[in-house]
């Protein structure tokens, strides 16, 4: 059960309504995560602000963005984000097994995706700390220092949604991500 009330565009605080309306148009419906964020204009504005900055200045393709989101969401045990980013990852061209491999941290199909998701997973697990060997492996795989810096923005945006879902108790309104098998 959600701890924070969810809203429709009409019931959201006035300062959240336009943002909620835009998210509803973009997604085809107001997702529960956005409906909960709309309860606080500061929360929904923070979420859209981070995403706007990434959209305006980010350089990663959709496949890389979704791989990072899957890795962070799995690391944080966020069922909602894993479900949402499984859908987005499919649209970005990742295959079902690749999605599962990224979530499990067992990427053997792409060295660059393997190393960038290792950086993201480690940062998410260790309050931003990444071992030097992990960092160097990403550089050796072809990621630049600029791209590793940008990775932080993607990690932070995903931590924001992961933590919000845990904090708010967001109910899943998307198909659940497939279970990972040990």
Protein backbone atom coordinates (compact mmCIF):
# COMPACT_ATOMS: atom_id res chain seq x y z
CA UNK A 1 0.00 0.00 0.00
CA UNK A 2 1.42 3.39 -0.94
CA UNK A 3 2.53 5.66 1.88
CA UNK A 4 2.24 8.76 -0.27
CA UNK A 5 -1.09 9.47 -1.98
CA UNK A 6 -1.24 9.04 -5.73
CA UNK A 7 -3.03 11.59 -7.85
CA UNK A 8 -4.63 12.12 -11.18
CA UNK A 9 -3.68 15.25 -13.05
CA UNK A 10 -6.86 16.90 -11.74
CA UNK A 11 -6.26 15.98 -8.07
CA UNK A 12 -2.55 16.82 -7.97
CA UNK A 13 -1.47 20.02 -6.28
CA UNK A 14 -1.72 22.90 -8.75
CA UNK A 15 2.08 23.27 -8.93
CA UNK A 16 2.37 19.60 -10.03
CA UNK A 17 -0.46 19.50 -12.56
CA UNK A 18 1.34 20.68 -15.71
CA UNK A 19 4.26 18.32 -15.13
CA UNK A 20 1.88 15.44 -14.39
CA UNK A 21 -0.06 16.26 -17.57
CA UNK A 22 3.15 16.13 -19.64
CA UNK A 23 4.17 12.81 -18.08
CA UNK A 24 0.70 11.40 -18.72
CA UNK A 25 0.91 12.41 -22.39
CA UNK A 26 4.42 11.01 -22.75
CA UNK A 27 3.64 7.65 -21.11
CA UNK A 28 0.05 7.22 -22.31
CA UNK A 29 -1.15 7.25 -18.70
CA UNK A 30 -0.05 8.70 -15.40
CA UNK A 31 2.10 5.93 -14.00
CA UNK A 32 1.88 5.28 -10.27
CA UNK A 33 5.43 6.54 -9.75
CA UNK A 34 4.54 9.88 -11.33
CA UNK A 35 1.14 9.97 -9.60
CA UNK A 36 2.93 9.64 -6.26
CA UNK A 37 5.63 12.15 -7.13
CA UNK A 38 2.91 14.62 -8.10
CA UNK A 39 1.85 14.77 -4.43
CA UNK A 40 4.88 17.00 -3.88
CA UNK A 41 5.74 19.67 -6.45
CA UNK A 42 9.35 19.56 -5.20
CA UNK A 43 9.62 15.81 -5.87
CA UNK A 44 8.10 15.81 -9.34
CA UNK A 45 10.10 18.92 -10.32
CA UNK A 46 13.32 17.33 -9.08
CA UNK A 47 12.60 14.18 -11.09
CA UNK A 48 11.78 16.02 -14.30
CA UNK A 49 14.67 18.44 -13.79
CA UNK A 50 17.24 15.65 -13.59
CA UNK A 51 15.76 13.94 -16.62
CA UNK A 52 15.66 17.20 -18.58
CA UNK A 53 19.34 17.83 -17.83
CA UNK A 54 20.24 14.34 -19.01
CA UNK A 55 18.13 14.73 -22.16
CA UNK A 56 19.70 18.12 -22.95
CA UNK A 57 23.32 17.25 -22.21
CA UNK A 58 23.64 13.47 -22.12
CA UNK A 59 25.43 11.55 -24.84
CA UNK A 60 24.44 7.94 -24.19
CA UNK A 61 22.16 6.06 -26.55
CA UNK A 62 18.95 4.48 -25.25
CA UNK A 63 20.55 1.04 -24.99
CA UNK A 64 23.28 2.33 -22.65
CA UNK A 65 20.86 4.42 -20.60
CA UNK A 66 18.58 1.44 -20.09
CA UNK A 67 21.46 -0.88 -19.24
CA UNK A 68 22.57 1.51 -16.48
CA UNK A 69 18.99 1.79 -15.21
CA UNK A 70 18.58 -1.99 -15.13
CA UNK A 71 21.84 -2.44 -13.24
CA UNK A 72 21.04 0.23 -10.66
CA UNK A 73 17.43 -0.92 -10.27
CA UNK A 74 18.52 -4.49 -9.68
CA UNK A 75 21.24 -3.45 -7.26
CA UNK A 76 18.66 -1.53 -5.25
CA UNK A 77 15.98 -4.20 -5.50
CA UNK A 78 13.50 -1.78 -7.05
CA UNK A 79 10.80 -3.95 -8.60
CA UNK A 80 9.01 -0.94 -10.07
CA UNK A 81 12.10 0.39 -11.88
CA UNK A 82 13.14 -3.05 -13.05
CA UNK A 83 9.68 -3.48 -14.58
CA UNK A 84 9.69 -0.02 -16.20
CA UNK A 85 13.22 -0.33 -17.54
CA UNK A 86 12.66 -3.87 -18.81
CA UNK A 87 9.96 -2.41 -21.06
CA UNK A 88 12.19 0.51 -22.09
CA UNK A 89 15.18 -1.77 -22.67
CA UNK A 90 13.15 -3.88 -25.09
CA UNK A 91 12.24 -0.72 -27.01
CA UNK A 92 15.95 0.24 -27.00
CA UNK A 93 16.83 -3.03 -28.75
CA UNK A 94 18.05 -5.20 -25.89
CA UNK A 95 16.97 -8.83 -26.09
CA UNK A 96 15.27 -10.64 -23.20
CA UNK A 97 18.37 -12.62 -22.20
CA UNK A 98 20.53 -9.50 -22.40
CA UNK A 99 18.12 -7.70 -20.07
CA UNK A 100 18.28 -10.56 -17.58
CA UNK A 101 22.08 -10.69 -17.87
CA UNK A 102 22.40 -6.97 -17.17
CA UNK A 103 20.12 -7.21 -14.16
CA UNK A 104 22.10 -10.20 -12.85
CA UNK A 105 25.46 -8.50 -13.43
CA UNK A 106 26.54 -11.25 -15.82
CA UNK A 107 27.04 -9.36 -19.07
CA UNK A 108 29.05 -11.39 -21.58
CA UNK A 109 27.60 -10.02 -24.82
CA UNK A 110 29.19 -6.54 -24.84
CA UNK A 111 32.37 -5.46 -23.01
CA UNK A 112 31.37 -1.80 -22.94
CA UNK A 113 27.92 -2.53 -21.47
CA UNK A 114 29.55 -4.95 -19.02
CA UNK A 115 31.99 -2.37 -17.70
CA UNK A 116 29.62 0.62 -17.56
CA UNK A 117 27.00 -1.42 -15.71
CA UNK A 118 29.70 -2.69 -13.33
CA UNK A 119 30.61 0.93 -12.53
CA UNK A 120 26.93 1.81 -12.03
CA UNK A 121 26.20 -1.24 -9.90
CA UNK A 122 29.24 -0.66 -7.70
CA UNK A 123 28.48 3.03 -7.24
CA UNK A 124 24.88 2.24 -6.31
CA UNK A 125 25.97 -0.42 -3.83
CA UNK A 126 28.74 1.59 -2.18
CA UNK A 127 27.45 5.14 -1.78
CA UNK A 128 29.25 6.26 -4.92
CA UNK A 129 32.52 4.45 -4.31
CA UNK A 130 33.89 2.49 -7.28
CA UNK A 131 37.00 0.35 -7.06
CA UNK A 132 39.92 1.52 -9.16
CA UNK A 133 40.01 -1.81 -11.02
CA UNK A 134 36.36 -1.40 -12.04
CA UNK A 135 37.00 2.17 -13.20
CA UNK A 136 40.09 1.18 -15.16
CA UNK A 137 38.25 -1.72 -16.81
CA UNK A 138 35.64 0.75 -18.09
CA UNK A 139 38.37 3.02 -19.48
CA UNK A 140 40.08 0.00 -21.09
CA UNK A 141 36.76 -1.03 -22.69
CA UNK A 142 36.57 2.35 -24.42
CA UNK A 143 34.58 4.60 -22.08
CA UNK A 144 36.05 8.08 -21.77
CA UNK A 145 36.48 10.06 -18.57
CA UNK A 146 33.69 12.33 -19.82
CA UNK A 147 31.36 9.38 -20.26
CA UNK A 148 32.22 7.99 -16.84
CA UNK A 149 31.44 11.40 -15.38
CA UNK A 150 28.09 11.44 -17.21
CA UNK A 151 27.37 7.98 -15.84
CA UNK A 152 27.01 9.56 -12.43
CA UNK A 153 24.01 11.61 -13.62
CA UNK A 154 22.32 8.43 -14.84
CA UNK A 155 23.10 6.63 -11.57
CA UNK A 156 21.72 9.55 -9.55
CA UNK A 157 18.53 9.77 -11.61
CA UNK A 158 17.94 6.06 -11.12
CA UNK A 159 18.74 6.18 -7.41
CA UNK A 160 16.16 8.96 -7.13
CA UNK A 161 13.40 6.81 -8.64
CA UNK A 162 14.50 3.60 -6.89
CA UNK A 163 14.56 5.28 -3.51
CA UNK A 164 11.31 7.14 -4.14
CA UNK A 165 9.55 3.86 -4.93
CA UNK A 166 10.87 2.25 -1.75
CA UNK A 167 10.13 5.35 0.32
CA UNK A 168 6.62 5.87 -1.06
CA UNK A 169 5.61 2.22 -1.42
CA UNK A 170 4.71 2.71 -5.09
CA UNK A 171 2.36 0.00 -6.31
CA UNK A 172 3.35 -1.75 -9.53
CA UNK A 173 1.10 -0.78 -12.43
CA UNK A 174 3.33 -2.27 -15.14
CA UNK A 175 4.06 -5.88 -16.05
CA UNK A 176 6.53 -7.25 -13.49
CA UNK A 177 10.08 -7.85 -14.67
CA UNK A 178 10.88 -11.53 -15.15
CA UNK A 179 12.37 -13.25 -12.12
CA UNK A 180 16.12 -13.78 -12.06
CA UNK A 181 17.12 -17.40 -11.51
CA UNK A 182 20.11 -18.20 -9.34
